[in-house]
Amino acid sequence: MKTGELEKILKILEREYKKWDVPVVTMIAERTHDPWKILVSTVLSGRTKDEVTWKASERLFSHAKTPEELLSLPVKTIEKLIYPVGFYRTKAKRLKELARAVVENYKGKVPDNLDELLKLPGVGRKTANLVLIHAFDKDGVCVDTHVHRISNLWGFVKTKTPEETEFELRKKLPRKWWKLYNDILVAFGQAICRPVKPRCEECPVKDLCPVKSRQGA
């Protein structure tokens, strides 16, 4: 797939994707605009359904809205507040470490650049890019499983890991799409272009779909 073909698809999906469920971190970002809450919600969202992440985030923030407040909570209390998110025991410990790092190294403020975000415990490239985009309105290329899968499915990239996909997208994807690309493809991947039983007949870009073309449909 060439860049021009991708942009045609993205322009259509940009108009359509908010009809589907917007990723939970995006919803929290739109409501709070709080870098710490966005960071915490992103950590909680890993391997967890959006509705579970939303409720767990609300419970946690009702007890601790800042890294200082979270640092004062026992790990067992954090576990109870975030249960049943995936790997809740590990995440509770990680959130405590994260709060300590932000308080001790950044005076309680989440850093606003990629290199510093990646120094935080448990923060990988996906989380760091998502925080840059939603907390600080900075350019980032966030690659989750849907972005990795669909970018390869369309043939825009040929990569084996999400990290490889991010670096390829940084080379090929026009910068104006960097912030929206993850939101669009996550919503599209969850609602329409699903890994199992994709809803191709309902797809708003089915006439432009390179997979359909390759299959001779």
N, C-alpha and C. Protein backbone atom coordinates (compact mmCIF):
# COMPACT_ATOMS: atom_id res chain seq x y z
N MET A 1 0.84 -1.20 0.00
CA MET A 1 0.00 0.00 0.00
C MET A 1 0.88 1.26 0.00
N LYS A 2 0.54 2.18 -0.89
CA LYS A 2 1.28 3.43 -0.96
C LYS A 2 0.69 4.44 0.02
N THR A 3 1.47 5.45 0.33
CA THR A 3 1.05 6.45 1.31
C THR A 3 -0.25 7.14 0.89
N GLY A 4 -0.39 7.47 -0.38
CA GLY A 4 -1.60 8.13 -0.86
C GLY A 4 -2.84 7.27 -0.65
N GLU A 5 -2.70 5.96 -0.86
CA GLU A 5 -3.82 5.04 -0.66
C GLU A 5 -4.20 4.97 0.82
N LEU A 6 -3.19 4.94 1.67
CA LEU A 6 -3.46 4.92 3.11
C LEU A 6 -4.19 6.19 3.54
N GLU A 7 -3.78 7.33 3.01
CA GLU A 7 -4.40 8.59 3.42
C GLU A 7 -5.87 8.65 2.99
N LYS A 8 -6.20 8.07 1.84
CA LYS A 8 -7.61 8.02 1.42
C LYS A 8 -8.44 7.25 2.45
N ILE A 9 -7.89 6.13 2.91
CA ILE A 9 -8.58 5.31 3.90
C ILE A 9 -8.71 6.05 5.22
N LEU A 10 -7.62 6.68 5.66
CA LEU A 10 -7.62 7.39 6.94
C LEU A 10 -8.60 8.56 6.96
N LYS A 11 -8.73 9.25 5.83
CA LYS A 11 -9.67 10.38 5.77
C LYS A 11 -11.11 9.91 5.97
N ILE A 12 -11.43 8.74 5.43
CA ILE A 12 -12.78 8.18 5.61
C ILE A 12 -12.95 7.72 7.06
N LEU A 13 -11.96 7.00 7.57
CA LEU A 13 -12.06 6.48 8.94
C LEU A 13 -12.06 7.60 9.98
N GLU A 14 -11.41 8.70 9.66
CA GLU A 14 -11.41 9.85 10.58
C GLU A 14 -12.83 10.36 10.80
N ARG A 15 -13.65 10.28 9.76
CA ARG A 15 -15.04 10.73 9.87
C ARG A 15 -15.91 9.71 10.60
N GLU A 16 -15.49 8.44 10.54
CA GLU A 16 -16.33 7.35 11.04
C GLU A 16 -15.99 6.85 12.44
N TYR A 17 -14.72 6.95 12.84
CA TYR A 17 -14.28 6.15 13.99
C TYR A 17 -14.92 6.54 15.32
N LYS A 18 -15.38 7.77 15.46
CA LYS A 18 -16.00 8.16 16.73
C LYS A 18 -17.41 7.60 16.89
N LYS A 19 -17.92 6.97 15.84
CA LYS A 19 -19.19 6.26 15.96
C LYS A 19 -18.99 4.96 16.73
N TRP A 20 -17.77 4.47 16.74
CA TRP A 20 -17.43 3.25 17.45
C TRP A 20 -16.91 3.62 18.84
N ASP A 21 -16.59 2.62 19.61
CA ASP A 21 -16.07 2.89 20.96
C ASP A 21 -14.66 3.46 20.88
N VAL A 22 -14.49 4.66 21.41
CA VAL A 22 -13.18 5.29 21.44
C VAL A 22 -12.37 4.63 22.55
N PRO A 23 -11.05 4.40 22.35
CA PRO A 23 -10.23 3.78 23.39
C PRO A 23 -10.37 4.49 24.73
N VAL A 24 -10.36 3.71 25.82
CA VAL A 24 -10.63 4.24 27.14
C VAL A 24 -9.65 5.33 27.56
N VAL A 25 -8.38 5.19 27.21
CA VAL A 25 -7.40 6.21 27.60
C VAL A 25 -7.72 7.53 26.91
N THR A 26 -8.21 7.46 25.69
CA THR A 26 -8.62 8.67 24.98
C THR A 26 -9.78 9.36 25.70
N MET A 27 -10.75 8.56 26.16
CA MET A 27 -11.89 9.14 26.87
C MET A 27 -11.44 9.81 28.17
N ILE A 28 -10.56 9.14 28.89
CA ILE A 28 -10.05 9.71 30.15
C ILE A 28 -9.27 10.99 29.87
N ALA A 29 -8.48 10.97 28.80
CA ALA A 29 -7.71 12.16 28.43
C ALA A 29 -8.62 13.33 28.10
N GLU A 30 -9.70 13.06 27.35
CA GLU A 30 -10.62 14.12 26.97
C GLU A 30 -11.34 14.71 28.18
N ARG A 31 -11.54 13.90 29.21
CA ARG A 31 -12.26 14.36 30.40
C ARG A 31 -11.36 15.04 31.42
N THR A 32 -10.13 14.56 31.55
CA THR A 32 -9.29 15.05 32.64
C THR A 32 -8.16 15.98 32.21
N HIS A 33 -7.56 15.71 31.05
CA HIS A 33 -6.38 16.46 30.58
C HIS A 33 -5.26 16.43 31.62
N ASP A 34 -5.24 15.38 32.43
CA ASP A 34 -4.27 15.25 33.53
C ASP A 34 -3.21 14.22 33.15
N PRO A 35 -1.95 14.65 32.96
CA PRO A 35 -0.90 13.71 32.54
C PRO A 35 -0.75 12.50 33.47
N TRP A 36 -0.87 12.71 34.79
CA TRP A 36 -0.72 11.59 35.72
C TRP A 36 -1.85 10.57 35.55
N LYS A 37 -3.08 11.05 35.45
CA LYS A 37 -4.22 10.14 35.28
C LYS A 37 -4.14 9.40 33.94
N ILE A 38 -3.68 10.09 32.93
CA ILE A 38 -3.54 9.46 31.61
C ILE A 38 -2.47 8.38 31.67
N LEU A 39 -1.37 8.66 32.33
CA LEU A 39 -0.30 7.67 32.48
C LEU A 39 -0.78 6.45 33.25
N VAL A 40 -1.45 6.67 34.38
CA VAL A 40 -1.94 5.56 35.20
C VAL A 40 -2.96 4.73 34.43
N SER A 41 -3.89 5.38 33.74
CA SER A 41 -4.92 4.66 32.98
C SER A 41 -4.29 3.83 31.87
N THR A 42 -3.24 4.34 31.27
CA THR A 42 -2.55 3.60 30.21
C THR A 42 -1.91 2.34 30.78
N VAL A 43 -1.29 2.45 31.96
CA VAL A 43 -0.70 1.29 32.62
C VAL A 43 -1.79 0.26 32.95
N LEU A 44 -2.92 0.73 33.47
CA LEU A 44 -4.00 -0.18 33.83
C LEU A 44 -4.62 -0.87 32.62
N SER A 45 -4.58 -0.22 31.47
CA SER A 45 -5.30 -0.72 30.29
C SER A 45 -4.65 -1.93 29.64
N GLY A 46 -3.39 -2.20 29.94
CA GLY A 46 -2.71 -3.33 29.30
C GLY A 46 -3.37 -4.66 29.63
N ARG A 47 -3.68 -5.45 28.61
CA ARG A 47 -4.31 -6.77 28.76
C ARG A 47 -5.63 -6.69 29.55
N THR A 48 -6.36 -5.60 29.38
CA THR A 48 -7.59 -5.39 30.13
C THR A 48 -8.65 -4.75 29.24
N LYS A 49 -9.89 -5.20 29.38
CA LYS A 49 -10.98 -4.62 28.60
C LYS A 49 -11.22 -3.17 29.04
N ASP A 50 -11.65 -2.37 28.08
CA ASP A 50 -11.81 -0.93 28.32
C ASP A 50 -12.76 -0.62 29.48
N GLU A 51 -13.88 -1.36 29.55
CA GLU A 51 -14.85 -1.05 30.61
C GLU A 51 -14.27 -1.36 32.00
N VAL A 52 -13.42 -2.38 32.07
CA VAL A 52 -12.77 -2.71 33.34
C VAL A 52 -11.75 -1.64 33.70
N THR A 53 -10.99 -1.20 32.71
CA THR A 53 -10.00 -0.13 32.93
C THR A 53 -10.68 1.14 33.42
N TRP A 54 -11.81 1.48 32.80
CA TRP A 54 -12.53 2.71 33.16
C TRP A 54 -12.95 2.68 34.63
N LYS A 55 -13.57 1.59 35.04
CA LYS A 55 -14.07 1.48 36.42
C LYS A 55 -12.92 1.44 37.42
N ALA A 56 -11.86 0.71 37.07
CA ALA A 56 -10.71 0.63 37.97
C ALA A 56 -10.04 2.00 38.12
N SER A 57 -9.94 2.73 37.03
CA SER A 57 -9.36 4.08 37.07
C SER A 57 -10.18 4.99 37.97
N GLU A 58 -11.50 4.93 37.82
CA GLU A 58 -12.38 5.77 38.65
C GLU A 58 -12.21 5.45 40.13
N ARG A 59 -12.16 4.15 40.45
CA ARG A 59 -12.00 3.76 41.87
C ARG A 59 -10.66 4.26 42.42
N LEU A 60 -9.61 4.07 41.63
CA LEU A 60 -8.29 4.48 42.09
C LEU A 60 -8.21 6.00 42.27
N PHE A 61 -8.72 6.74 41.30
CA PHE A 61 -8.63 8.20 41.36
C PHE A 61 -9.53 8.79 42.45
N SER A 62 -10.53 8.04 42.87
CA SER A 62 -11.37 8.53 43.98
C SER A 62 -10.59 8.51 45.29
N HIS A 63 -9.51 7.70 45.35
CA HIS A 63 -8.68 7.62 46.54
C HIS A 63 -7.34 8.33 46.38
N ALA A 64 -6.87 8.42 45.14
CA ALA A 64 -5.55 9.01 44.91
C ALA A 64 -5.52 9.67 43.54
N LYS A 65 -5.57 10.99 43.53
CA LYS A 65 -5.61 11.74 42.27
C LYS A 65 -4.22 12.15 41.79
N THR A 66 -3.24 12.09 42.68
CA THR A 66 -1.89 12.56 42.34
C THR A 66 -0.86 11.48 42.67
N PRO A 67 0.35 11.58 42.12
CA PRO A 67 1.38 10.59 42.48
C PRO A 67 1.70 10.61 43.97
N GLU A 68 1.65 11.77 44.60
CA GLU A 68 1.91 11.86 46.04
C GLU A 68 0.86 11.07 46.83
N GLU A 69 -0.39 11.22 46.44
CA GLU A 69 -1.47 10.51 47.13
C GLU A 69 -1.37 9.01 46.90
N LEU A 70 -1.04 8.60 45.68
CA LEU A 70 -0.91 7.18 45.40
C LEU A 70 0.27 6.57 46.17
N LEU A 71 1.33 7.34 46.30
CA LEU A 71 2.52 6.87 47.01
C LEU A 71 2.20 6.57 48.47
N SER A 72 1.20 7.24 49.01
CA SER A 72 0.84 7.04 50.42
C SER A 72 -0.04 5.80 50.63
N LEU A 73 -0.55 5.21 49.55
CA LEU A 73 -1.41 4.03 49.68
C LEU A 73 -0.59 2.75 49.78
N PRO A 74 -0.99 1.82 50.64
CA PRO A 74 -0.34 0.50 50.65
C PRO A 74 -0.62 -0.24 49.34
N VAL A 75 0.31 -1.09 48.95
CA VAL A 75 0.14 -1.85 47.71
C VAL A 75 -1.14 -2.67 47.75
N LYS A 76 -1.46 -3.27 48.89
CA LYS A 76 -2.67 -4.08 49.01
C LYS A 76 -3.93 -3.26 48.74
N THR A 77 -3.92 -2.01 49.16
CA THR A 77 -5.07 -1.13 48.90
C THR A 77 -5.18 -0.84 47.41
N ILE A 78 -4.04 -0.59 46.77
CA ILE A 78 -4.04 -0.33 45.32
C ILE A 78 -4.57 -1.57 44.59
N GLU A 79 -4.13 -2.75 45.02
CA GLU A 79 -4.61 -4.00 44.41
C GLU A 79 -6.13 -4.09 44.46
N LYS A 80 -6.70 -3.81 45.63
CA LYS A 80 -8.16 -3.90 45.79
C LYS A 80 -8.88 -2.88 44.91
N LEU A 81 -8.30 -1.70 44.79
CA LEU A 81 -8.94 -0.64 44.00
C LEU A 81 -8.93 -0.93 42.51
N ILE A 82 -7.88 -1.55 42.03
CA ILE A 82 -7.77 -1.76 40.57
C ILE A 82 -8.26 -3.14 40.12
N TYR A 83 -8.47 -4.06 41.05
CA TYR A 83 -9.00 -5.38 40.68
C TYR A 83 -10.34 -5.21 39.96
N PRO A 84 -10.64 -5.94 38.85
CA PRO A 84 -9.92 -7.08 38.29
C PRO A 84 -9.11 -6.79 37.02
N VAL A 85 -8.41 -5.68 36.93
CA VAL A 85 -7.58 -5.46 35.73
C VAL A 85 -6.57 -6.60 35.60
N GLY A 86 -6.14 -6.85 34.38
CA GLY A 86 -5.16 -7.91 34.16
C GLY A 86 -3.87 -7.65 34.92
N PHE A 87 -3.34 -8.70 35.55
CA PHE A 87 -2.08 -8.62 36.31
C PHE A 87 -2.14 -7.51 37.37
N TYR A 88 -3.26 -7.46 38.09
CA TYR A 88 -3.49 -6.34 39.02
C TYR A 88 -2.45 -6.27 40.13
N ARG A 89 -1.94 -7.42 40.59
CA ARG A 89 -0.92 -7.39 41.65
C ARG A 89 0.38 -6.76 41.14
N THR A 90 0.79 -7.18 39.95
CA THR A 90 2.00 -6.61 39.35
C THR A 90 1.82 -5.12 39.08
N LYS A 91 0.64 -4.75 38.57
CA LYS A 91 0.38 -3.35 38.24
C LYS A 91 0.32 -2.48 39.49
N ALA A 92 -0.19 -3.03 40.59
CA ALA A 92 -0.24 -2.26 41.83
C ALA A 92 1.18 -1.90 42.30
N LYS A 93 2.07 -2.87 42.24
CA LYS A 93 3.46 -2.61 42.62
C LYS A 93 4.10 -1.62 41.65
N ARG A 94 3.81 -1.79 40.37
CA ARG A 94 4.39 -0.92 39.36
C ARG A 94 3.90 0.51 39.51
N LEU A 95 2.63 0.68 39.82
CA LEU A 95 2.08 2.03 40.01
C LEU A 95 2.74 2.72 41.21
N LYS A 96 3.00 1.96 42.24
CA LYS A 96 3.67 2.52 43.41
C LYS A 96 5.09 2.97 43.03
N GLU A 97 5.80 2.13 42.27
CA GLU A 97 7.15 2.48 41.80
C GLU A 97 7.10 3.71 40.90
N LEU A 98 6.08 3.75 40.06
CA LEU A 98 5.90 4.86 39.12
C LEU A 98 5.66 6.16 39.88
N ALA A 99 4.81 6.11 40.90
CA ALA A 99 4.54 7.30 41.70
C ALA A 99 5.81 7.78 42.40
N ARG A 100 6.57 6.86 42.94
CA ARG A 100 7.81 7.24 43.63
C ARG A 100 8.79 7.90 42.66
N ALA A 101 8.90 7.34 41.46
CA ALA A 101 9.83 7.90 40.47
C ALA A 101 9.41 9.31 40.05
N VAL A 102 8.12 9.50 39.83
CA VAL A 102 7.63 10.82 39.41
C VAL A 102 7.82 11.85 40.53
N VAL A 103 7.56 11.44 41.77
CA VAL A 103 7.70 12.36 42.90
C VAL A 103 9.17 12.69 43.15
N GLU A 104 10.01 11.66 43.18
CA GLU A 104 11.41 11.86 43.56
C GLU A 104 12.27 12.46 42.44
N ASN A 105 11.98 12.08 41.21
CA ASN A 105 12.83 12.50 40.09
C ASN A 105 12.27 13.66 39.26
N TYR A 106 10.96 13.88 39.35
CA TYR A 106 10.34 14.90 38.49
C TYR A 106 9.44 15.85 39.27
N LYS A 107 9.63 15.90 40.60
CA LYS A 107 8.88 16.83 41.46
C LYS A 107 7.37 16.68 41.32
N GLY A 108 6.93 15.43 41.10
CA GLY A 108 5.51 15.15 41.02
C GLY A 108 4.86 15.43 39.68
N LYS A 109 5.66 15.81 38.68
CA LYS A 109 5.13 16.13 37.35
C LYS A 109 5.57 15.07 36.34
N VAL A 110 4.64 14.54 35.60
CA VAL A 110 4.97 13.56 34.56
C VAL A 110 5.81 14.24 33.49
N PRO A 111 6.97 13.67 33.12
CA PRO A 111 7.80 14.31 32.09
C PRO A 111 7.10 14.32 30.74
N ASP A 112 7.47 15.32 29.93
CA ASP A 112 6.76 15.52 28.66
C ASP A 112 7.64 15.24 27.45
N ASN A 113 8.64 14.36 27.60
CA ASN A 113 9.40 13.95 26.41
C ASN A 113 9.66 12.46 26.46
N LEU A 114 9.84 11.88 25.30
CA LEU A 114 9.90 10.43 25.14
C LEU A 114 11.03 9.80 25.95
N ASP A 115 12.22 10.35 25.88
CA ASP A 115 13.37 9.76 26.57
C ASP A 115 13.15 9.69 28.08
N GLU A 116 12.60 10.76 28.66
CA GLU A 116 12.37 10.77 30.10
C GLU A 116 11.22 9.84 30.49
N LEU A 117 10.19 9.79 29.69
CA LEU A 117 9.08 8.87 29.97
C LEU A 117 9.56 7.42 29.97
N LEU A 118 10.46 7.09 29.06
CA LEU A 118 10.96 5.72 28.97
C LEU A 118 11.85 5.33 30.15
N LYS A 119 12.29 6.32 30.93
CA LYS A 119 13.07 6.03 32.13
C LYS A 119 12.18 5.61 33.31
N LEU A 120 10.89 5.86 33.20
CA LEU A 120 9.97 5.53 34.28
C LEU A 120 9.76 4.01 34.34
N PRO A 121 9.63 3.45 35.55
CA PRO A 121 9.47 1.99 35.68
C PRO A 121 8.21 1.49 34.99
N GLY A 122 8.38 0.48 34.15
CA GLY A 122 7.24 -0.14 33.48
C GLY A 122 6.68 0.61 32.30
N VAL A 123 7.31 1.71 31.92
CA VAL A 123 6.80 2.50 30.78
C VAL A 123 7.57 2.13 29.52
N GLY A 124 6.86 1.52 28.59
CA GLY A 124 7.44 1.17 27.30
C GLY A 124 7.09 2.19 26.24
N ARG A 125 7.42 1.89 25.02
CA ARG A 125 7.24 2.86 23.95
C ARG A 125 5.77 3.14 23.67
N LYS A 126 4.93 2.13 23.73
CA LYS A 126 3.50 2.35 23.48
C LYS A 126 2.93 3.33 24.51
N THR A 127 3.19 3.07 25.78
CA THR A 127 2.69 3.94 26.85
C THR A 127 3.26 5.35 26.72
N ALA A 128 4.56 5.44 26.50
CA ALA A 128 5.21 6.75 26.41
C ALA A 128 4.62 7.58 25.27
N ASN A 129 4.44 6.97 24.11
CA ASN A 129 3.87 7.69 22.97
C ASN A 129 2.43 8.11 23.23
N LEU A 130 1.66 7.23 23.88
CA LEU A 130 0.27 7.55 24.17
C LEU A 130 0.17 8.74 25.13
N VAL A 131 1.05 8.77 26.13
CA VAL A 131 1.07 9.89 27.07
C VAL A 131 1.48 11.19 26.36
N LEU A 132 2.47 11.12 25.50
CA LEU A 132 2.88 12.31 24.75
C LEU A 132 1.72 12.89 23.96
N ILE A 133 0.98 12.00 23.29
CA ILE A 133 -0.11 12.44 22.43
C ILE A 133 -1.26 13.03 23.26
N HIS A 134 -1.73 12.26 24.23
CA HIS A 134 -2.96 12.64 24.94
C HIS A 134 -2.75 13.57 26.12
N ALA A 135 -1.58 13.50 26.75
CA ALA A 135 -1.35 14.36 27.91
C ALA A 135 -0.73 15.70 27.52
N PHE A 136 0.08 15.69 26.45
CA PHE A 136 0.85 16.89 26.12
C PHE A 136 0.61 17.40 24.70
N ASP A 137 -0.28 16.72 23.97
CA ASP A 137 -0.60 17.14 22.60
C ASP A 137 0.65 17.24 21.74
N LYS A 138 1.56 16.28 21.94
CA LYS A 138 2.79 16.24 21.14
C LYS A 138 2.73 15.07 20.16
N ASP A 139 3.49 15.18 19.10
CA ASP A 139 3.51 14.11 18.11
C ASP A 139 4.12 12.85 18.70
N GLY A 140 3.47 11.74 18.43
CA GLY A 140 3.97 10.44 18.83
C GLY A 140 3.35 9.39 17.93
N VAL A 141 3.98 8.24 17.85
CA VAL A 141 3.43 7.13 17.07
C VAL A 141 3.20 5.98 18.03
N CYS A 142 1.96 5.82 18.45
CA CYS A 142 1.61 4.78 19.41
C CYS A 142 1.15 3.54 18.65
N VAL A 143 1.77 2.42 18.96
CA VAL A 143 1.45 1.17 18.24
C VAL A 143 0.98 0.12 19.24
N ASP A 144 -0.31 -0.18 19.18
CA ASP A 144 -0.83 -1.30 19.97
C ASP A 144 -1.05 -2.48 19.02
N THR A 145 -1.68 -3.53 19.51
CA THR A 145 -1.83 -4.74 18.68
C THR A 145 -2.66 -4.48 17.43
N HIS A 146 -3.70 -3.64 17.53
CA HIS A 146 -4.52 -3.35 16.35
C HIS A 146 -3.73 -2.57 15.31
N VAL A 147 -2.98 -1.57 15.75
CA VAL A 147 -2.18 -0.77 14.82
C VAL A 147 -1.15 -1.66 14.12
N HIS A 148 -0.47 -2.49 14.89
CA HIS A 148 0.53 -3.40 14.33
C HIS A 148 -0.12 -4.36 13.33
N ARG A 149 -1.24 -4.96 13.72
CA ARG A 149 -1.91 -5.95 12.89
C ARG A 149 -2.46 -5.34 11.60
N ILE A 150 -3.18 -4.25 11.71
CA ILE A 150 -3.84 -3.68 10.53
C ILE A 150 -2.83 -3.02 9.59
N SER A 151 -1.81 -2.37 10.13
CA SER A 151 -0.78 -1.77 9.28
C SER A 151 -0.10 -2.83 8.42
N ASN A 152 0.11 -4.01 9.00
CA ASN A 152 0.69 -5.13 8.25
C ASN A 152 -0.32 -5.78 7.33
N LEU A 153 -1.55 -5.90 7.79
CA LEU A 153 -2.61 -6.49 6.98
C LEU A 153 -2.80 -5.71 5.68
N TRP A 154 -2.76 -4.39 5.79
CA TRP A 154 -2.90 -3.53 4.62
C TRP A 154 -1.65 -3.52 3.75
N GLY A 155 -0.53 -3.97 4.30
CA GLY A 155 0.72 -3.97 3.54
C GLY A 155 1.43 -2.62 3.55
N PHE A 156 1.02 -1.73 4.46
CA PHE A 156 1.72 -0.44 4.55
C PHE A 156 3.10 -0.62 5.18
N VAL A 157 3.20 -1.58 6.09
CA VAL A 157 4.50 -1.97 6.65
C VAL A 157 4.60 -3.49 6.59
N LYS A 158 5.82 -3.97 6.69
CA LYS A 158 6.07 -5.41 6.78
C LYS A 158 7.00 -5.62 7.97
N THR A 159 6.40 -5.80 9.13
CA THR A 159 7.17 -5.85 10.38
C THR A 159 6.70 -7.02 11.24
N LYS A 160 7.56 -7.40 12.18
CA LYS A 160 7.26 -8.54 13.03
C LYS A 160 6.85 -8.15 14.45
N THR A 161 7.20 -6.96 14.88
CA THR A 161 6.88 -6.54 16.24
C THR A 161 6.29 -5.12 16.23
N PRO A 162 5.53 -4.78 17.28
CA PRO A 162 5.00 -3.42 17.38
C PRO A 162 6.09 -2.35 17.36
N GLU A 163 7.24 -2.64 17.98
CA GLU A 163 8.33 -1.65 17.99
C GLU A 163 8.85 -1.42 16.58
N GLU A 164 9.01 -2.49 15.80
CA GLU A 164 9.43 -2.33 14.40
C GLU A 164 8.39 -1.52 13.64
N THR A 165 7.11 -1.78 13.92
CA THR A 165 6.04 -1.04 13.25
C THR A 165 6.12 0.45 13.56
N GLU A 166 6.38 0.77 14.83
CA GLU A 166 6.50 2.19 15.20
C GLU A 166 7.59 2.87 14.38
N PHE A 167 8.77 2.26 14.31
CA PHE A 167 9.87 2.89 13.60
C PHE A 167 9.60 3.01 12.10
N GLU A 168 8.91 2.03 11.53
CA GLU A 168 8.55 2.12 10.11
C GLU A 168 7.51 3.22 9.88
N LEU A 169 6.54 3.31 10.77
CA LEU A 169 5.53 4.36 10.65
C LEU A 169 6.14 5.75 10.78
N ARG A 170 7.13 5.88 11.65
CA ARG A 170 7.81 7.17 11.79
C ARG A 170 8.48 7.58 10.48
N LYS A 171 8.90 6.59 9.68
CA LYS A 171 9.53 6.88 8.39
C LYS A 171 8.49 7.16 7.31
N LYS A 172 7.36 6.42 7.32
CA LYS A 172 6.45 6.42 6.18
C LYS A 172 5.16 7.20 6.39
N LEU A 173 4.66 7.23 7.63
CA LEU A 173 3.36 7.84 7.88
C LEU A 173 3.49 9.36 7.93
N PRO A 174 2.72 10.10 7.12
CA PRO A 174 2.77 11.57 7.19
C PRO A 174 2.53 12.05 8.61
N ARG A 175 3.30 13.02 9.05
CA ARG A 175 3.28 13.46 10.44
C ARG A 175 1.90 13.94 10.90
N LYS A 176 1.11 14.45 9.97
CA LYS A 176 -0.20 14.96 10.36
C LYS A 176 -1.13 13.86 10.89
N TRP A 177 -0.77 12.59 10.60
CA TRP A 177 -1.59 11.47 11.07
C TRP A 177 -1.05 10.83 12.34
N TRP A 178 0.12 11.21 12.80
CA TRP A 178 0.74 10.52 13.93
C TRP A 178 -0.17 10.47 15.15
N LYS A 179 -0.75 11.58 15.54
CA LYS A 179 -1.54 11.62 16.78
C LYS A 179 -2.82 10.79 16.67
N LEU A 180 -3.45 10.78 15.50
CA LEU A 180 -4.74 10.13 15.34
C LEU A 180 -4.66 8.65 14.96
N TYR A 181 -3.53 8.24 14.43
CA TYR A 181 -3.42 6.92 13.83
C TYR A 181 -3.83 5.81 14.80
N ASN A 182 -3.34 5.88 16.03
CA ASN A 182 -3.67 4.84 17.01
C ASN A 182 -5.15 4.86 17.36
N ASP A 183 -5.70 6.03 17.64
CA ASP A 183 -7.13 6.11 18.00
C ASP A 183 -8.01 5.55 16.89
N ILE A 184 -7.71 5.93 15.66
CA ILE A 184 -8.51 5.48 14.52
C ILE A 184 -8.44 3.98 14.36
N LEU A 185 -7.22 3.43 14.36
CA LEU A 185 -7.07 2.01 14.09
C LEU A 185 -7.51 1.12 15.25
N VAL A 186 -7.40 1.62 16.48
CA VAL A 186 -7.89 0.83 17.61
C VAL A 186 -9.42 0.72 17.55
N ALA A 187 -10.09 1.86 17.34
CA ALA A 187 -11.55 1.84 17.23
C ALA A 187 -11.99 0.98 16.04
N PHE A 188 -11.33 1.14 14.92
CA PHE A 188 -11.63 0.38 13.70
C PHE A 188 -11.36 -1.12 13.93
N GLY A 189 -10.25 -1.42 14.59
CA GLY A 189 -9.88 -2.81 14.83
C GLY A 189 -10.78 -3.52 15.81
N GLN A 190 -11.32 -2.79 16.76
CA GLN A 190 -12.23 -3.39 17.74
C GLN A 190 -13.64 -3.57 17.18
N ALA A 191 -14.06 -2.60 16.36
CA ALA A 191 -15.46 -2.61 15.90
C ALA A 191 -15.67 -3.31 14.55
N ILE A 192 -14.73 -3.13 13.63
CA ILE A 192 -14.94 -3.59 12.26
C ILE A 192 -13.87 -4.60 11.80
N CYS A 193 -12.63 -4.14 11.75
CA CYS A 193 -11.55 -4.99 11.22
C CYS A 193 -10.98 -5.86 12.33
N ARG A 194 -11.83 -6.72 12.88
CA ARG A 194 -11.45 -7.54 14.02
C ARG A 194 -10.57 -8.71 13.59
N PRO A 195 -9.71 -9.19 14.48
CA PRO A 195 -8.84 -10.31 14.11
C PRO A 195 -9.61 -11.60 13.87
N VAL A 196 -10.74 -11.75 14.56
CA VAL A 196 -11.61 -12.92 14.36
C VAL A 196 -12.98 -12.40 13.94
N LYS A 197 -13.52 -12.97 12.88
CA LYS A 197 -14.82 -12.57 12.34
C LYS A 197 -14.90 -11.07 12.03
N PRO A 198 -14.04 -10.59 11.14
CA PRO A 198 -14.11 -9.17 10.76
C PRO A 198 -15.44 -8.86 10.08
N ARG A 199 -15.93 -7.65 10.30
CA ARG A 199 -17.24 -7.25 9.76
C ARG A 199 -17.03 -6.51 8.43
N CYS A 200 -16.54 -7.23 7.46
CA CYS A 200 -16.14 -6.61 6.18
C CYS A 200 -17.30 -5.95 5.46
N GLU A 201 -18.49 -6.52 5.54
CA GLU A 201 -19.63 -5.96 4.82
C GLU A 201 -20.04 -4.60 5.39
N GLU A 202 -19.70 -4.35 6.65
CA GLU A 202 -20.05 -3.07 7.28
C GLU A 202 -18.91 -2.06 7.21
N CYS A 203 -17.80 -2.45 6.61
CA CYS A 203 -16.60 -1.62 6.61
C CYS A 203 -16.76 -0.40 5.70
N PRO A 204 -16.52 0.79 6.22
CA PRO A 204 -16.67 2.00 5.40
C PRO A 204 -15.58 2.17 4.35
N VAL A 205 -14.53 1.36 4.43
CA VAL A 205 -13.45 1.47 3.44
C VAL A 205 -13.28 0.17 2.66
N LYS A 206 -14.33 -0.64 2.61
CA LYS A 206 -14.21 -1.95 1.96
C LYS A 206 -13.85 -1.83 0.47
N ASP A 207 -14.29 -0.76 -0.18
CA ASP A 207 -13.98 -0.59 -1.60
C ASP A 207 -12.52 -0.21 -1.84
N LEU A 208 -11.85 0.25 -0.77
CA LEU A 208 -10.44 0.62 -0.89
C LEU A 208 -9.51 -0.42 -0.23
N CYS A 209 -10.11 -1.45 0.31
CA CYS A 209 -9.34 -2.42 1.11
C CYS A 209 -8.32 -3.18 0.26
N PRO A 210 -7.04 -3.07 0.56
CA PRO A 210 -6.03 -3.79 -0.21
C PRO A 210 -6.10 -5.30 -0.01
N VAL A 211 -6.62 -5.75 1.13
CA VAL A 211 -6.75 -7.19 1.37
C VAL A 211 -7.78 -7.76 0.42
N LYS A 212 -8.89 -7.06 0.29
CA LYS A 212 -9.96 -7.48 -0.63
C LYS A 212 -9.43 -7.53 -2.06
N SER A 213 -8.60 -6.54 -2.42
CA SER A 213 -8.04 -6.49 -3.78
C SER A 213 -7.10 -7.67 -4.02
N ARG A 214 -6.28 -7.98 -3.00
CA ARG A 214 -5.33 -9.10 -3.14
C ARG A 214 -6.04 -10.43 -3.26
N GLN A 215 -7.23 -10.53 -2.63
CA GLN A 215 -8.00 -11.75 -2.69
C GLN A 215 -8.85 -11.86 -3.96
N GLY A 216 -8.84 -10.78 -4.74
CA GLY A 216 -9.57 -10.78 -5.99
C GLY A 216 -11.07 -10.62 -5.83
N ALA A 217 -11.46 -10.06 -4.66
CA ALA A 217 -12.89 -9.90 -4.40
C ALA A 217 -13.43 -8.68 -5.12
